[in-house]
Amino acid sequence: MRDQVFKIVTETLAEIYINQKLHNVQTPTEETRLYGSQSPIDSMSLVTLIAEVEEKISKEFGKHILIADDRAWGERVSPFARVKTLVDYISIVTGK
């Protein structure tokens, strides 16, 4: 299950790289930053990533989720820091 979530997140992030013409950016890994000065994407792209991942997770698993909810903002470690933290958070939220 986690592997499926990882694939959805990294493929969606790679699509954003292509759409933004970020051809010099490496393929996303678990350690890829999602925000901040070391992230290859801007804040609007992060919002796009979250929305698209929510939609793809819903289609893939038949379960509607909200990634950017009060629970996410209350986490001690932000689920939006890196690909790994986002995938782990989604896995918890979906119960998979």
N, C-alpha and C. Protein backbone atom coordinates (compact mmCIF):
# COMPACT_ATOMS: atom_id res chain seq x y z
N MET A 1 0.81 -1.20 0.00
CA MET A 1 0.00 0.00 0.00
C MET A 1 0.86 1.26 0.00
N ARG A 2 1.85 1.29 0.90
CA ARG A 2 2.71 2.47 0.98
C ARG A 2 3.42 2.67 -0.36
N ASP A 3 3.80 1.58 -0.99
CA ASP A 3 4.47 1.69 -2.29
C ASP A 3 3.56 2.35 -3.33
N GLN A 4 2.26 2.03 -3.28
CA GLN A 4 1.31 2.65 -4.20
C GLN A 4 1.19 4.15 -3.93
N VAL A 5 1.13 4.52 -2.68
CA VAL A 5 1.05 5.94 -2.31
C VAL A 5 2.32 6.65 -2.75
N PHE A 6 3.48 6.04 -2.51
CA PHE A 6 4.75 6.63 -2.94
C PHE A 6 4.75 6.85 -4.44
N LYS A 7 4.29 5.88 -5.18
CA LYS A 7 4.25 5.99 -6.64
C LYS A 7 3.34 7.14 -7.07
N ILE A 8 2.18 7.26 -6.47
CA ILE A 8 1.25 8.35 -6.80
C ILE A 8 1.89 9.70 -6.52
N VAL A 9 2.50 9.85 -5.36
CA VAL A 9 3.12 11.13 -4.98
C VAL A 9 4.27 11.47 -5.91
N THR A 10 5.17 10.53 -6.15
CA THR A 10 6.35 10.84 -6.97
C THR A 10 5.98 11.06 -8.44
N GLU A 11 5.03 10.30 -8.95
CA GLU A 11 4.61 10.51 -10.34
C GLU A 11 3.92 11.87 -10.50
N THR A 12 3.11 12.24 -9.53
CA THR A 12 2.44 13.54 -9.59
C THR A 12 3.46 14.67 -9.49
N LEU A 13 4.43 14.52 -8.63
CA LEU A 13 5.49 15.52 -8.49
C LEU A 13 6.31 15.62 -9.77
N ALA A 14 6.61 14.50 -10.39
CA ALA A 14 7.35 14.50 -11.67
C ALA A 14 6.54 15.21 -12.76
N GLU A 15 5.22 15.03 -12.76
CA GLU A 15 4.37 15.73 -13.72
C GLU A 15 4.45 17.25 -13.51
N ILE A 16 4.48 17.66 -12.26
CA ILE A 16 4.61 19.09 -11.95
C ILE A 16 5.95 19.61 -12.45
N TYR A 17 7.02 18.84 -12.26
CA TYR A 17 8.33 19.23 -12.78
C TYR A 17 8.26 19.48 -14.28
N ILE A 18 7.61 18.56 -14.99
CA ILE A 18 7.50 18.68 -16.45
C ILE A 18 6.68 19.91 -16.82
N ASN A 19 5.54 20.10 -16.15
CA ASN A 19 4.67 21.25 -16.45
C ASN A 19 5.37 22.58 -16.18
N GLN A 20 6.25 22.61 -15.20
CA GLN A 20 6.98 23.84 -14.88
C GLN A 20 8.31 23.94 -15.64
N LYS A 21 8.54 22.95 -16.50
CA LYS A 21 9.77 22.91 -17.29
C LYS A 21 11.02 22.88 -16.40
N LEU A 22 10.94 22.11 -15.32
CA LEU A 22 12.06 21.93 -14.42
C LEU A 22 12.85 20.69 -14.85
N HIS A 23 13.44 20.76 -16.01
CA HIS A 23 14.11 19.60 -16.60
C HIS A 23 15.43 19.25 -15.91
N ASN A 24 16.00 20.19 -15.18
CA ASN A 24 17.26 19.93 -14.50
C ASN A 24 17.07 19.33 -13.10
N VAL A 25 15.83 19.07 -12.70
CA VAL A 25 15.53 18.53 -11.38
C VAL A 25 15.56 17.01 -11.46
N GLN A 26 16.13 16.39 -10.43
CA GLN A 26 16.22 14.94 -10.39
C GLN A 26 14.86 14.30 -10.12
N THR A 27 14.75 13.05 -10.45
CA THR A 27 13.54 12.29 -10.17
C THR A 27 13.27 12.32 -8.67
N PRO A 28 12.01 12.54 -8.27
CA PRO A 28 11.71 12.61 -6.83
C PRO A 28 12.05 11.32 -6.10
N THR A 29 12.58 11.48 -4.89
CA THR A 29 12.88 10.36 -4.00
C THR A 29 12.19 10.63 -2.66
N GLU A 30 12.36 9.73 -1.73
CA GLU A 30 11.76 9.93 -0.40
C GLU A 30 12.29 11.19 0.26
N GLU A 31 13.50 11.59 -0.04
CA GLU A 31 14.12 12.75 0.60
C GLU A 31 13.88 14.07 -0.13
N THR A 32 13.16 14.05 -1.23
CA THR A 32 12.88 15.27 -1.99
C THR A 32 12.07 16.23 -1.12
N ARG A 33 12.56 17.46 -1.03
CA ARG A 33 11.88 18.51 -0.26
C ARG A 33 10.64 18.98 -1.01
N LEU A 34 9.56 19.27 -0.27
CA LEU A 34 8.33 19.73 -0.89
C LEU A 34 8.09 21.22 -0.69
N TYR A 35 8.77 21.82 0.26
CA TYR A 35 8.67 23.28 0.42
C TYR A 35 9.95 23.80 1.03
N GLY A 36 10.12 25.10 0.97
CA GLY A 36 11.32 25.73 1.51
C GLY A 36 12.35 26.02 0.44
N SER A 37 13.45 26.56 0.84
CA SER A 37 14.46 27.00 -0.12
C SER A 37 15.10 25.85 -0.89
N GLN A 38 15.07 24.65 -0.35
CA GLN A 38 15.66 23.51 -1.05
C GLN A 38 14.67 22.74 -1.90
N SER A 39 13.44 23.21 -1.96
CA SER A 39 12.42 22.55 -2.77
C SER A 39 12.47 23.09 -4.20
N PRO A 40 12.34 22.21 -5.17
CA PRO A 40 12.32 22.68 -6.55
C PRO A 40 10.98 23.29 -6.96
N ILE A 41 9.94 23.15 -6.13
CA ILE A 41 8.63 23.68 -6.48
C ILE A 41 8.26 24.85 -5.59
N ASP A 42 7.36 25.68 -6.09
CA ASP A 42 6.89 26.83 -5.29
C ASP A 42 5.62 26.44 -4.52
N SER A 43 5.10 27.38 -3.75
CA SER A 43 3.94 27.08 -2.89
C SER A 43 2.69 26.73 -3.69
N MET A 44 2.50 27.37 -4.83
CA MET A 44 1.33 27.04 -5.66
C MET A 44 1.44 25.62 -6.21
N SER A 45 2.63 25.22 -6.54
CA SER A 45 2.83 23.85 -7.02
C SER A 45 2.59 22.84 -5.91
N LEU A 46 2.92 23.21 -4.67
CA LEU A 46 2.65 22.32 -3.54
C LEU A 46 1.14 22.14 -3.37
N VAL A 47 0.39 23.22 -3.51
CA VAL A 47 -1.07 23.14 -3.44
C VAL A 47 -1.60 22.24 -4.55
N THR A 48 -1.06 22.40 -5.75
CA THR A 48 -1.45 21.55 -6.88
C THR A 48 -1.13 20.09 -6.58
N LEU A 49 0.05 19.84 -6.05
CA LEU A 49 0.45 18.47 -5.70
C LEU A 49 -0.54 17.86 -4.72
N ILE A 50 -0.87 18.59 -3.68
CA ILE A 50 -1.80 18.08 -2.67
C ILE A 50 -3.17 17.76 -3.29
N ALA A 51 -3.70 18.68 -4.07
CA ALA A 51 -5.02 18.47 -4.68
C ALA A 51 -5.02 17.28 -5.63
N GLU A 52 -3.98 17.17 -6.45
CA GLU A 52 -3.92 16.07 -7.41
C GLU A 52 -3.71 14.73 -6.72
N VAL A 53 -2.89 14.71 -5.67
CA VAL A 53 -2.66 13.46 -4.93
C VAL A 53 -3.96 13.04 -4.23
N GLU A 54 -4.69 13.98 -3.64
CA GLU A 54 -5.98 13.65 -3.02
C GLU A 54 -6.91 12.99 -4.04
N GLU A 55 -6.98 13.56 -5.22
CA GLU A 55 -7.85 13.02 -6.26
C GLU A 55 -7.41 11.63 -6.70
N LYS A 56 -6.12 11.44 -6.90
CA LYS A 56 -5.61 10.14 -7.35
C LYS A 56 -5.76 9.07 -6.27
N ILE A 57 -5.56 9.44 -5.02
CA ILE A 57 -5.75 8.50 -3.91
C ILE A 57 -7.22 8.07 -3.85
N SER A 58 -8.11 9.03 -4.03
CA SER A 58 -9.54 8.74 -4.02
C SER A 58 -9.90 7.74 -5.11
N LYS A 59 -9.38 7.95 -6.31
CA LYS A 59 -9.65 7.04 -7.43
C LYS A 59 -9.03 5.67 -7.20
N GLU A 60 -7.78 5.66 -6.73
CA GLU A 60 -7.05 4.41 -6.56
C GLU A 60 -7.63 3.53 -5.45
N PHE A 61 -7.99 4.14 -4.33
CA PHE A 61 -8.40 3.37 -3.17
C PHE A 61 -9.88 3.50 -2.83
N GLY A 62 -10.60 4.33 -3.59
CA GLY A 62 -12.02 4.50 -3.33
C GLY A 62 -12.32 5.15 -2.00
N LYS A 63 -11.38 5.99 -1.54
CA LYS A 63 -11.55 6.63 -0.24
C LYS A 63 -11.18 8.10 -0.38
N HIS A 64 -12.13 8.97 -0.07
CA HIS A 64 -11.89 10.41 -0.13
C HIS A 64 -11.07 10.83 1.08
N ILE A 65 -9.98 11.55 0.83
CA ILE A 65 -9.16 12.03 1.94
C ILE A 65 -8.88 13.53 1.77
N LEU A 66 -8.61 14.17 2.87
CA LEU A 66 -8.14 15.55 2.88
C LEU A 66 -6.74 15.52 3.48
N ILE A 67 -5.76 15.90 2.70
CA ILE A 67 -4.39 15.89 3.19
C ILE A 67 -4.11 17.14 4.01
N ALA A 68 -4.56 18.28 3.53
CA ALA A 68 -4.27 19.56 4.20
C ALA A 68 -5.42 19.95 5.12
N ASP A 69 -5.59 19.18 6.19
CA ASP A 69 -6.64 19.48 7.16
C ASP A 69 -6.02 19.92 8.48
N ASP A 70 -6.85 20.15 9.48
CA ASP A 70 -6.36 20.59 10.79
C ASP A 70 -5.37 19.60 11.39
N ARG A 71 -5.62 18.34 11.16
CA ARG A 71 -4.72 17.31 11.69
C ARG A 71 -3.31 17.47 11.12
N ALA A 72 -3.22 17.72 9.82
CA ALA A 72 -1.91 17.87 9.18
C ALA A 72 -1.14 19.05 9.74
N TRP A 73 -1.83 20.16 9.94
CA TRP A 73 -1.17 21.37 10.44
C TRP A 73 -0.77 21.22 11.90
N GLY A 74 -1.41 20.30 12.62
CA GLY A 74 -1.09 20.09 14.02
C GLY A 74 0.03 19.09 14.27
N GLU A 75 0.49 18.44 13.22
CA GLU A 75 1.55 17.45 13.37
C GLU A 75 2.86 18.11 13.81
N ARG A 76 3.60 17.43 14.67
CA ARG A 76 4.89 17.93 15.14
C ARG A 76 5.88 18.03 13.99
N VAL A 77 5.90 17.03 13.14
CA VAL A 77 6.71 17.04 11.92
C VAL A 77 5.75 17.22 10.76
N SER A 78 5.95 18.27 10.00
CA SER A 78 5.02 18.58 8.90
C SER A 78 4.99 17.46 7.87
N PRO A 79 3.79 17.03 7.49
CA PRO A 79 3.69 16.02 6.43
C PRO A 79 4.11 16.57 5.07
N PHE A 80 4.29 17.87 4.99
CA PHE A 80 4.63 18.50 3.72
C PHE A 80 6.12 18.80 3.57
N ALA A 81 6.92 18.34 4.51
CA ALA A 81 8.36 18.63 4.48
C ALA A 81 9.07 17.92 3.33
N ARG A 82 8.84 16.64 3.21
CA ARG A 82 9.52 15.81 2.20
C ARG A 82 8.52 14.80 1.63
N VAL A 83 8.91 14.17 0.57
CA VAL A 83 8.08 13.12 -0.02
C VAL A 83 7.80 12.04 1.02
N LYS A 84 8.82 11.63 1.77
CA LYS A 84 8.65 10.57 2.77
C LYS A 84 7.60 10.94 3.81
N THR A 85 7.65 12.16 4.33
CA THR A 85 6.69 12.55 5.37
C THR A 85 5.28 12.62 4.81
N LEU A 86 5.14 13.03 3.56
CA LEU A 86 3.81 13.08 2.94
C LEU A 86 3.27 11.67 2.73
N VAL A 87 4.10 10.79 2.21
CA VAL A 87 3.67 9.40 1.98
C VAL A 87 3.29 8.73 3.29
N ASP A 88 4.11 8.92 4.33
CA ASP A 88 3.80 8.34 5.64
C ASP A 88 2.48 8.88 6.17
N TYR A 89 2.26 10.18 6.05
CA TYR A 89 1.03 10.79 6.53
C TYR A 89 -0.19 10.25 5.77
N ILE A 90 -0.10 10.17 4.46
CA ILE A 90 -1.21 9.65 3.66
C ILE A 90 -1.51 8.20 4.05
N SER A 91 -0.48 7.42 4.28
CA SER A 91 -0.67 6.02 4.68
C SER A 91 -1.42 5.93 6.01
N ILE A 92 -1.13 6.84 6.93
CA ILE A 92 -1.83 6.86 8.21
C ILE A 92 -3.29 7.30 8.01
N VAL A 93 -3.49 8.37 7.24
CA VAL A 93 -4.83 8.91 7.03
C VAL A 93 -5.75 7.90 6.33
N THR A 94 -5.18 7.16 5.37
CA THR A 94 -5.99 6.20 4.63
C THR A 94 -6.14 4.88 5.38
N GLY A 95 -5.33 4.71 6.41
CA GLY A 95 -5.39 3.46 7.18
C GLY A 95 -4.81 2.29 6.44
N LYS A 96 -3.93 2.58 5.50
CA LYS A 96 -3.34 1.51 4.68
C LYS A 96 -1.87 1.32 5.00
